[in-house]
Amino acid sequence: MLRLLAVVALLFLSDSLIRRWFAICLLALCFCGSIAHAEGDDARRYLAEIELHTEAELFAALQRSQALFDSGTLALHSDQPVRLVLHGPEVFVLLLQNYQQHKQTVDLAAQLSAFGVVDVKVCETWMRGAKVNAAELPPFIGTVPFGPAEEKRLLDEEGYIWF
């Protein structure tokens, strides 16, 4: 971007009116492209808000993610999937030993994860307190050291928005 601005400055400082006009147009295109890119990123970066930590809330977040995908808002294998950072009892729903009891929720999470629609992470700090081992999680679920900090990072640094 700095190189582009340097080129624009050199063109603008030239004696030719055509070069100055070209520099202004190039700068305007860069500015408009930056705004469109930023707006597109914000519109595509979602963080599921899980407050009640229930299976119903988790399932609803997965269904909303699927609706975003079905509407075309999220692309297949998107580089910006909906993030689910879990740090409460809803994690028990996803454990391998509980699969038969919560098959519908786990299958939906696995399907959406396989297609890159969601990215599910579980808080390692919560897991230690609940005596849950990472080996008990299905392979499509990752972990983060501290869930609330990861949510804050996604919101503050990565431009995610709650949904």
N, C-alpha and C. Protein backbone atom coordinates (compact mmCIF):
# COMPACT_ATOMS: atom_id res chain seq x y z
N MET A 1 0.82 -1.18 0.00
CA MET A 1 0.00 0.00 0.00
C MET A 1 0.87 1.25 0.00
N LEU A 2 1.99 1.20 0.74
CA LEU A 2 2.89 2.36 0.77
C LEU A 2 3.51 2.62 -0.60
N ARG A 3 3.85 1.55 -1.30
CA ARG A 3 4.41 1.73 -2.64
C ARG A 3 3.39 2.38 -3.56
N LEU A 4 2.16 1.96 -3.45
CA LEU A 4 1.11 2.53 -4.28
C LEU A 4 0.92 4.01 -3.97
N LEU A 5 0.95 4.36 -2.70
CA LEU A 5 0.83 5.77 -2.33
C LEU A 5 2.02 6.58 -2.83
N ALA A 6 3.20 5.99 -2.82
CA ALA A 6 4.39 6.68 -3.35
C ALA A 6 4.24 6.93 -4.85
N VAL A 7 3.73 5.95 -5.58
CA VAL A 7 3.50 6.11 -7.02
C VAL A 7 2.46 7.21 -7.25
N VAL A 8 1.40 7.21 -6.46
CA VAL A 8 0.37 8.24 -6.60
C VAL A 8 0.97 9.62 -6.34
N ALA A 9 1.80 9.73 -5.31
CA ALA A 9 2.43 11.02 -5.00
C ALA A 9 3.33 11.48 -6.14
N LEU A 10 4.11 10.58 -6.71
CA LEU A 10 4.99 10.96 -7.82
C LEU A 10 4.17 11.40 -9.04
N LEU A 11 3.11 10.67 -9.32
CA LEU A 11 2.26 11.06 -10.45
C LEU A 11 1.61 12.42 -10.20
N PHE A 12 1.19 12.66 -8.97
CA PHE A 12 0.51 13.91 -8.67
C PHE A 12 1.46 15.09 -8.75
N LEU A 13 2.71 14.86 -8.39
CA LEU A 13 3.70 15.94 -8.40
C LEU A 13 4.25 16.25 -9.79
N SER A 14 3.91 15.42 -10.76
CA SER A 14 4.42 15.66 -12.12
C SER A 14 3.77 16.89 -12.72
N ASP A 15 4.34 17.37 -13.82
CA ASP A 15 3.84 18.57 -14.50
C ASP A 15 2.63 18.28 -15.38
N SER A 16 2.39 17.03 -15.70
CA SER A 16 1.32 16.66 -16.62
C SER A 16 -0.03 16.62 -15.92
N LEU A 17 -1.01 17.30 -16.50
CA LEU A 17 -2.37 17.27 -15.96
C LEU A 17 -2.98 15.88 -16.06
N ILE A 18 -2.65 15.15 -17.10
CA ILE A 18 -3.17 13.80 -17.27
C ILE A 18 -2.65 12.89 -16.16
N ARG A 19 -1.36 13.03 -15.84
CA ARG A 19 -0.80 12.21 -14.76
C ARG A 19 -1.42 12.56 -13.42
N ARG A 20 -1.66 13.86 -13.19
CA ARG A 20 -2.31 14.27 -11.94
C ARG A 20 -3.73 13.70 -11.85
N TRP A 21 -4.46 13.77 -12.95
CA TRP A 21 -5.81 13.23 -12.98
C TRP A 21 -5.77 11.73 -12.72
N PHE A 22 -4.81 11.03 -13.34
CA PHE A 22 -4.66 9.60 -13.15
C PHE A 22 -4.34 9.29 -11.67
N ALA A 23 -3.48 10.10 -11.06
CA ALA A 23 -3.12 9.90 -9.65
C ALA A 23 -4.33 10.06 -8.75
N ILE A 24 -5.15 11.06 -9.02
CA ILE A 24 -6.36 11.28 -8.22
C ILE A 24 -7.32 10.11 -8.38
N CYS A 25 -7.51 9.64 -9.61
CA CYS A 25 -8.39 8.50 -9.86
C CYS A 25 -7.88 7.24 -9.17
N LEU A 26 -6.58 7.01 -9.25
CA LEU A 26 -5.98 5.84 -8.62
C LEU A 26 -6.14 5.90 -7.10
N LEU A 27 -5.93 7.07 -6.53
CA LEU A 27 -6.11 7.23 -5.09
C LEU A 27 -7.57 7.01 -4.69
N ALA A 28 -8.49 7.52 -5.47
CA ALA A 28 -9.92 7.33 -5.18
C ALA A 28 -10.30 5.85 -5.26
N LEU A 29 -9.79 5.15 -6.27
CA LEU A 29 -10.08 3.72 -6.39
C LEU A 29 -9.53 2.93 -5.21
N CYS A 30 -8.33 3.28 -4.78
CA CYS A 30 -7.73 2.60 -3.62
C CYS A 30 -8.57 2.84 -2.37
N PHE A 31 -9.00 4.08 -2.19
CA PHE A 31 -9.79 4.42 -1.01
C PHE A 31 -11.12 3.68 -1.03
N CYS A 32 -11.80 3.68 -2.15
CA CYS A 32 -13.08 2.98 -2.26
C CYS A 32 -12.90 1.48 -2.09
N GLY A 33 -11.85 0.93 -2.62
CA GLY A 33 -11.58 -0.50 -2.47
C GLY A 33 -11.31 -0.88 -1.03
N SER A 34 -10.61 0.01 -0.30
CA SER A 34 -10.33 -0.25 1.11
C SER A 34 -11.61 -0.26 1.92
N ILE A 35 -12.50 0.67 1.64
CA ILE A 35 -13.77 0.73 2.37
C ILE A 35 -14.60 -0.50 2.05
N ALA A 36 -14.71 -0.87 0.79
CA ALA A 36 -15.51 -2.04 0.41
C ALA A 36 -14.94 -3.31 1.03
N HIS A 37 -13.60 -3.41 1.04
CA HIS A 37 -12.97 -4.59 1.61
C HIS A 37 -13.27 -4.68 3.11
N ALA A 38 -13.14 -3.55 3.80
CA ALA A 38 -13.40 -3.54 5.25
C ALA A 38 -14.85 -3.87 5.55
N GLU A 39 -15.78 -3.29 4.80
CA GLU A 39 -17.19 -3.57 5.03
C GLU A 39 -17.50 -5.02 4.74
N GLY A 40 -16.92 -5.58 3.70
CA GLY A 40 -17.15 -6.99 3.38
C GLY A 40 -16.62 -7.91 4.46
N ASP A 41 -15.46 -7.56 5.02
CA ASP A 41 -14.90 -8.38 6.08
C ASP A 41 -15.78 -8.36 7.32
N ASP A 42 -16.24 -7.15 7.72
CA ASP A 42 -17.07 -7.06 8.90
C ASP A 42 -18.37 -7.83 8.71
N ALA A 43 -18.90 -7.79 7.51
CA ALA A 43 -20.17 -8.45 7.27
C ALA A 43 -20.02 -9.97 7.26
N ARG A 44 -18.81 -10.47 7.10
CA ARG A 44 -18.61 -11.91 7.00
C ARG A 44 -17.99 -12.54 8.24
N ARG A 45 -17.64 -11.78 9.22
CA ARG A 45 -16.96 -12.32 10.39
C ARG A 45 -17.92 -12.34 11.59
N TYR A 46 -18.43 -13.53 11.86
CA TYR A 46 -19.41 -13.68 12.93
C TYR A 46 -18.88 -14.53 14.06
N LEU A 47 -19.21 -14.11 15.28
CA LEU A 47 -18.89 -14.86 16.48
C LEU A 47 -20.21 -15.17 17.17
N ALA A 48 -20.51 -16.45 17.31
CA ALA A 48 -21.77 -16.85 17.93
C ALA A 48 -21.73 -16.51 19.42
N GLU A 49 -22.77 -15.83 19.86
CA GLU A 49 -22.86 -15.45 21.27
C GLU A 49 -23.60 -16.56 22.03
N ILE A 50 -22.87 -17.25 22.89
CA ILE A 50 -23.42 -18.34 23.69
C ILE A 50 -23.42 -17.85 25.14
N GLU A 51 -24.60 -17.53 25.67
CA GLU A 51 -24.68 -16.98 27.02
C GLU A 51 -25.27 -17.96 28.03
N LEU A 52 -26.28 -18.71 27.62
CA LEU A 52 -26.96 -19.61 28.55
C LEU A 52 -26.26 -20.95 28.69
N HIS A 53 -25.39 -21.26 27.73
CA HIS A 53 -24.59 -22.50 27.75
C HIS A 53 -25.46 -23.76 27.77
N THR A 54 -26.49 -23.76 26.96
CA THR A 54 -27.38 -24.91 26.86
C THR A 54 -27.27 -25.54 25.47
N GLU A 55 -27.74 -26.78 25.38
CA GLU A 55 -27.76 -27.43 24.08
C GLU A 55 -28.67 -26.68 23.11
N ALA A 56 -29.81 -26.21 23.59
CA ALA A 56 -30.75 -25.48 22.73
C ALA A 56 -30.09 -24.23 22.15
N GLU A 57 -29.33 -23.52 22.95
CA GLU A 57 -28.66 -22.31 22.47
C GLU A 57 -27.56 -22.67 21.46
N LEU A 58 -26.82 -23.72 21.74
CA LEU A 58 -25.78 -24.18 20.82
C LEU A 58 -26.41 -24.60 19.48
N PHE A 59 -27.48 -25.36 19.54
CA PHE A 59 -28.15 -25.82 18.33
C PHE A 59 -28.70 -24.63 17.54
N ALA A 60 -29.26 -23.64 18.24
CA ALA A 60 -29.78 -22.44 17.58
C ALA A 60 -28.65 -21.67 16.87
N ALA A 61 -27.48 -21.59 17.49
CA ALA A 61 -26.34 -20.91 16.87
C ALA A 61 -25.89 -21.66 15.62
N LEU A 62 -25.91 -22.98 15.68
CA LEU A 62 -25.55 -23.78 14.51
C LEU A 62 -26.58 -23.60 13.39
N GLN A 63 -27.86 -23.56 13.76
CA GLN A 63 -28.90 -23.34 12.76
C GLN A 63 -28.79 -21.95 12.12
N ARG A 64 -28.46 -20.93 12.92
CA ARG A 64 -28.25 -19.59 12.36
C ARG A 64 -27.07 -19.58 11.41
N SER A 65 -26.03 -20.32 11.75
CA SER A 65 -24.86 -20.43 10.87
C SER A 65 -25.25 -21.09 9.56
N GLN A 66 -26.04 -22.15 9.65
CA GLN A 66 -26.50 -22.81 8.44
C GLN A 66 -27.36 -21.88 7.60
N ALA A 67 -28.20 -21.07 8.24
CA ALA A 67 -29.03 -20.11 7.52
C ALA A 67 -28.17 -19.08 6.79
N LEU A 68 -27.08 -18.64 7.41
CA LEU A 68 -26.16 -17.71 6.74
C LEU A 68 -25.56 -18.36 5.50
N PHE A 69 -25.20 -19.63 5.65
CA PHE A 69 -24.65 -20.36 4.52
C PHE A 69 -25.70 -20.55 3.42
N ASP A 70 -26.90 -20.97 3.81
CA ASP A 70 -27.97 -21.21 2.84
C ASP A 70 -28.37 -19.93 2.09
N SER A 71 -28.26 -18.78 2.76
CA SER A 71 -28.63 -17.51 2.13
C SER A 71 -27.54 -16.98 1.21
N GLY A 72 -26.36 -17.62 1.24
CA GLY A 72 -25.26 -17.16 0.40
C GLY A 72 -24.36 -16.15 1.09
N THR A 73 -24.67 -15.79 2.33
CA THR A 73 -23.84 -14.84 3.08
C THR A 73 -22.46 -15.42 3.36
N LEU A 74 -22.41 -16.72 3.64
CA LEU A 74 -21.14 -17.40 3.85
C LEU A 74 -20.88 -18.34 2.68
N ALA A 75 -19.68 -18.33 2.18
CA ALA A 75 -19.32 -19.21 1.06
C ALA A 75 -18.87 -20.57 1.59
N LEU A 76 -18.97 -21.56 0.74
CA LEU A 76 -18.48 -22.90 1.06
C LEU A 76 -16.99 -22.81 1.34
N HIS A 77 -16.53 -23.44 2.39
CA HIS A 77 -15.13 -23.39 2.81
C HIS A 77 -14.63 -21.95 2.92
N SER A 78 -15.45 -21.11 3.52
CA SER A 78 -15.13 -19.70 3.70
C SER A 78 -13.86 -19.56 4.53
N ASP A 79 -13.09 -18.51 4.23
CA ASP A 79 -11.91 -18.24 5.04
C ASP A 79 -12.32 -17.50 6.32
N GLN A 80 -13.60 -17.19 6.46
CA GLN A 80 -14.13 -16.52 7.64
C GLN A 80 -15.35 -17.26 8.16
N PRO A 81 -15.19 -18.46 8.67
CA PRO A 81 -16.36 -19.20 9.18
C PRO A 81 -16.92 -18.54 10.44
N VAL A 82 -18.13 -18.87 10.78
CA VAL A 82 -18.70 -18.45 12.05
C VAL A 82 -17.88 -19.12 13.15
N ARG A 83 -17.46 -18.34 14.11
CA ARG A 83 -16.67 -18.89 15.22
C ARG A 83 -17.58 -19.18 16.40
N LEU A 84 -17.43 -20.35 16.96
CA LEU A 84 -18.12 -20.73 18.19
C LEU A 84 -17.04 -21.04 19.22
N VAL A 85 -16.96 -20.22 20.23
CA VAL A 85 -15.99 -20.42 21.30
C VAL A 85 -16.79 -20.84 22.53
N LEU A 86 -16.66 -22.10 22.90
CA LEU A 86 -17.48 -22.68 23.95
C LEU A 86 -16.71 -22.77 25.26
N HIS A 87 -17.33 -22.31 26.34
CA HIS A 87 -16.67 -22.38 27.65
C HIS A 87 -17.71 -22.55 28.76
N GLY A 88 -18.55 -23.56 28.55
CA GLY A 88 -19.57 -23.86 29.55
C GLY A 88 -20.12 -25.26 29.36
N PRO A 89 -21.19 -25.58 30.07
CA PRO A 89 -21.76 -26.93 30.04
C PRO A 89 -22.22 -27.40 28.66
N GLU A 90 -22.40 -26.49 27.71
CA GLU A 90 -22.78 -26.92 26.36
C GLU A 90 -21.72 -27.83 25.74
N VAL A 91 -20.52 -27.79 26.25
CA VAL A 91 -19.44 -28.64 25.74
C VAL A 91 -19.77 -30.11 25.96
N PHE A 92 -20.43 -30.43 27.07
CA PHE A 92 -20.79 -31.82 27.36
C PHE A 92 -21.61 -32.45 26.24
N VAL A 93 -22.39 -31.64 25.55
CA VAL A 93 -23.22 -32.11 24.43
C VAL A 93 -22.35 -32.70 23.32
N LEU A 94 -21.18 -32.11 23.13
CA LEU A 94 -20.32 -32.48 22.00
C LEU A 94 -19.34 -33.60 22.30
N LEU A 95 -19.27 -34.05 23.53
CA LEU A 95 -18.31 -35.10 23.88
C LEU A 95 -18.66 -36.41 23.19
N LEU A 96 -17.63 -37.15 22.81
CA LEU A 96 -17.81 -38.42 22.09
C LEU A 96 -18.72 -39.39 22.83
N GLN A 97 -18.56 -39.49 24.15
CA GLN A 97 -19.37 -40.44 24.91
C GLN A 97 -20.84 -40.04 24.98
N ASN A 98 -21.18 -38.80 24.62
CA ASN A 98 -22.57 -38.33 24.65
C ASN A 98 -23.19 -38.24 23.26
N TYR A 99 -22.51 -38.78 22.27
CA TYR A 99 -22.96 -38.64 20.87
C TYR A 99 -24.38 -39.15 20.66
N GLN A 100 -24.71 -40.32 21.14
CA GLN A 100 -26.03 -40.90 20.89
C GLN A 100 -27.15 -40.03 21.46
N GLN A 101 -26.91 -39.40 22.60
CA GLN A 101 -27.93 -38.56 23.23
C GLN A 101 -28.12 -37.22 22.50
N HIS A 102 -27.08 -36.74 21.84
CA HIS A 102 -27.09 -35.41 21.23
C HIS A 102 -26.70 -35.46 19.76
N LYS A 103 -27.07 -36.55 19.12
CA LYS A 103 -26.66 -36.84 17.74
C LYS A 103 -27.00 -35.69 16.78
N GLN A 104 -28.19 -35.14 16.87
CA GLN A 104 -28.62 -34.10 15.93
C GLN A 104 -27.71 -32.86 16.01
N THR A 105 -27.40 -32.44 17.22
CA THR A 105 -26.54 -31.26 17.42
C THR A 105 -25.11 -31.54 16.96
N VAL A 106 -24.58 -32.69 17.35
CA VAL A 106 -23.19 -33.03 16.99
C VAL A 106 -23.08 -33.20 15.47
N ASP A 107 -24.04 -33.86 14.85
CA ASP A 107 -24.00 -34.05 13.40
C ASP A 107 -24.06 -32.72 12.65
N LEU A 108 -24.90 -31.81 13.13
CA LEU A 108 -24.98 -30.49 12.47
C LEU A 108 -23.67 -29.74 12.63
N ALA A 109 -23.09 -29.78 13.82
CA ALA A 109 -21.80 -29.11 14.05
C ALA A 109 -20.72 -29.71 13.17
N ALA A 110 -20.69 -31.04 13.06
CA ALA A 110 -19.68 -31.71 12.24
C ALA A 110 -19.86 -31.38 10.76
N GLN A 111 -21.10 -31.38 10.30
CA GLN A 111 -21.37 -31.07 8.90
C GLN A 111 -20.95 -29.64 8.56
N LEU A 112 -21.36 -28.69 9.40
CA LEU A 112 -21.01 -27.29 9.14
C LEU A 112 -19.51 -27.06 9.25
N SER A 113 -18.87 -27.76 10.16
CA SER A 113 -17.42 -27.67 10.29
C SER A 113 -16.72 -28.24 9.05
N ALA A 114 -17.21 -29.37 8.57
CA ALA A 114 -16.61 -30.00 7.38
C ALA A 114 -16.69 -29.10 6.16
N PHE A 115 -17.75 -28.31 6.06
CA PHE A 115 -17.92 -27.41 4.92
C PHE A 115 -17.32 -26.03 5.17
N GLY A 116 -16.66 -25.85 6.32
CA GLY A 116 -16.01 -24.58 6.61
C GLY A 116 -16.97 -23.47 6.96
N VAL A 117 -18.18 -23.81 7.35
CA VAL A 117 -19.17 -22.80 7.73
C VAL A 117 -18.95 -22.35 9.17
N VAL A 118 -18.56 -23.28 10.04
CA VAL A 118 -18.29 -22.93 11.44
C VAL A 118 -16.91 -23.44 11.83
N ASP A 119 -16.37 -22.80 12.84
CA ASP A 119 -15.12 -23.23 13.46
C ASP A 119 -15.40 -23.29 14.96
N VAL A 120 -15.40 -24.49 15.51
CA VAL A 120 -15.76 -24.70 16.92
C VAL A 120 -14.49 -24.88 17.74
N LYS A 121 -14.39 -24.08 18.80
CA LYS A 121 -13.27 -24.17 19.74
C LYS A 121 -13.82 -24.28 21.15
N VAL A 122 -13.10 -25.02 22.00
CA VAL A 122 -13.49 -25.19 23.40
C VAL A 122 -12.38 -24.63 24.28
N CYS A 123 -12.78 -24.00 25.35
CA CYS A 123 -11.86 -23.39 26.31
C CYS A 123 -11.13 -24.45 27.14
N GLU A 124 -9.80 -24.45 27.09
CA GLU A 124 -9.00 -25.41 27.84
C GLU A 124 -9.10 -25.17 29.35
N THR A 125 -9.25 -23.90 29.74
CA THR A 125 -9.39 -23.58 31.16
C THR A 125 -10.68 -24.18 31.71
N TRP A 126 -11.78 -24.03 30.96
CA TRP A 126 -13.04 -24.64 31.37
C TRP A 126 -12.90 -26.16 31.40
N MET A 127 -12.22 -26.72 30.41
CA MET A 127 -12.06 -28.18 30.34
C MET A 127 -11.34 -28.71 31.57
N ARG A 128 -10.30 -28.02 32.01
CA ARG A 128 -9.58 -28.45 33.22
C ARG A 128 -10.51 -28.45 34.43
N GLY A 129 -11.29 -27.37 34.58
CA GLY A 129 -12.21 -27.27 35.72
C GLY A 129 -13.30 -28.33 35.67
N ALA A 130 -13.75 -28.69 34.46
CA ALA A 130 -14.81 -29.69 34.30
C ALA A 130 -14.26 -31.10 34.16
N LYS A 131 -12.93 -31.22 34.22
CA LYS A 131 -12.26 -32.52 34.09
C LYS A 131 -12.60 -33.21 32.76
N VAL A 132 -12.51 -32.41 31.70
CA VAL A 132 -12.74 -32.91 30.34
C VAL A 132 -11.40 -32.94 29.63
N ASN A 133 -11.09 -34.08 29.03
CA ASN A 133 -9.85 -34.25 28.28
C ASN A 133 -10.10 -33.93 26.80
N ALA A 134 -9.13 -33.34 26.14
CA ALA A 134 -9.28 -33.00 24.71
C ALA A 134 -9.55 -34.24 23.87
N ALA A 135 -9.10 -35.40 24.30
CA ALA A 135 -9.34 -36.65 23.56
C ALA A 135 -10.82 -37.03 23.55
N GLU A 136 -11.61 -36.43 24.43
CA GLU A 136 -13.04 -36.72 24.49
C GLU A 136 -13.84 -35.92 23.46
N LEU A 137 -13.17 -34.96 22.82
CA LEU A 137 -13.83 -34.11 21.82
C LEU A 137 -13.75 -34.75 20.44
N PRO A 138 -14.76 -34.56 19.61
CA PRO A 138 -14.67 -35.05 18.23
C PRO A 138 -13.51 -34.34 17.51
N PRO A 139 -12.97 -34.95 16.47
CA PRO A 139 -11.79 -34.38 15.80
C PRO A 139 -12.02 -33.02 15.14
N PHE A 140 -13.24 -32.64 14.87
CA PHE A 140 -13.48 -31.36 14.21
C PHE A 140 -13.48 -30.18 15.18
N ILE A 141 -13.34 -30.46 16.47
CA ILE A 141 -13.36 -29.40 17.48
C ILE A 141 -11.94 -29.14 17.98
N GLY A 142 -11.56 -27.87 17.97
CA GLY A 142 -10.26 -27.46 18.47
C GLY A 142 -10.38 -26.87 19.86
N THR A 143 -9.26 -26.43 20.40
CA THR A 143 -9.27 -25.81 21.72
C THR A 143 -8.55 -24.47 21.67
N VAL A 144 -8.85 -23.63 22.64
CA VAL A 144 -8.16 -22.37 22.87
C VAL A 144 -7.81 -22.31 24.35
N PRO A 145 -6.74 -21.62 24.71
CA PRO A 145 -6.34 -21.59 26.12
C PRO A 145 -7.42 -21.03 27.06
N PHE A 146 -8.04 -19.91 26.68
CA PHE A 146 -9.04 -19.27 27.54
C PHE A 146 -10.12 -18.67 26.65
N GLY A 147 -11.31 -19.24 26.70
CA GLY A 147 -12.41 -18.85 25.81
C GLY A 147 -12.76 -17.37 25.81
N PRO A 148 -13.00 -16.75 26.99
CA PRO A 148 -13.35 -15.33 26.99
C PRO A 148 -12.28 -14.44 26.36
N ALA A 149 -11.02 -14.79 26.56
CA ALA A 149 -9.93 -14.01 25.95
C ALA A 149 -9.94 -14.18 24.43
N GLU A 150 -10.23 -15.39 23.96
CA GLU A 150 -10.31 -15.63 22.52
C GLU A 150 -11.46 -14.85 21.90
N GLU A 151 -12.60 -14.81 22.59
CA GLU A 151 -13.73 -14.02 22.09
C GLU A 151 -13.35 -12.54 22.00
N LYS A 152 -12.71 -12.04 23.03
CA LYS A 152 -12.28 -10.63 23.04
C LYS A 152 -11.30 -10.36 21.90
N ARG A 153 -10.37 -11.28 21.69
CA ARG A 153 -9.39 -11.11 20.59
C ARG A 153 -10.09 -11.08 19.24
N LEU A 154 -11.02 -12.00 19.02
CA LEU A 154 -11.74 -12.04 17.75
C LEU A 154 -12.52 -10.75 17.53
N LEU A 155 -13.15 -10.24 18.57
CA LEU A 155 -13.93 -9.02 18.46
C LEU A 155 -13.04 -7.79 18.27
N ASP A 156 -12.00 -7.67 19.08
CA ASP A 156 -11.17 -6.46 19.08
C ASP A 156 -10.12 -6.43 17.98
N GLU A 157 -9.50 -7.58 17.71
CA GLU A 157 -8.38 -7.60 16.77
C GLU A 157 -8.73 -8.12 15.39
N GLU A 158 -9.68 -9.03 15.31
CA GLU A 158 -10.00 -9.66 14.02
C GLU A 158 -11.25 -9.09 13.36
N GLY A 159 -11.94 -8.19 14.05
CA GLY A 159 -13.11 -7.55 13.46
C GLY A 159 -14.37 -8.39 13.42
N TYR A 160 -14.46 -9.39 14.28
CA TYR A 160 -15.68 -10.21 14.34
C TYR A 160 -16.78 -9.42 15.03
N ILE A 161 -18.02 -9.79 14.73
CA ILE A 161 -19.18 -9.20 15.39
C ILE A 161 -20.03 -10.32 15.96
N TRP A 162 -20.72 -10.02 17.08
CA TRP A 162 -21.62 -11.01 17.67
C TRP A 162 -22.78 -11.29 16.75
N PHE A 163 -23.25 -12.49 16.77
CA PHE A 163 -24.51 -12.80 16.06
C PHE A 163 -25.30 -13.82 16.83
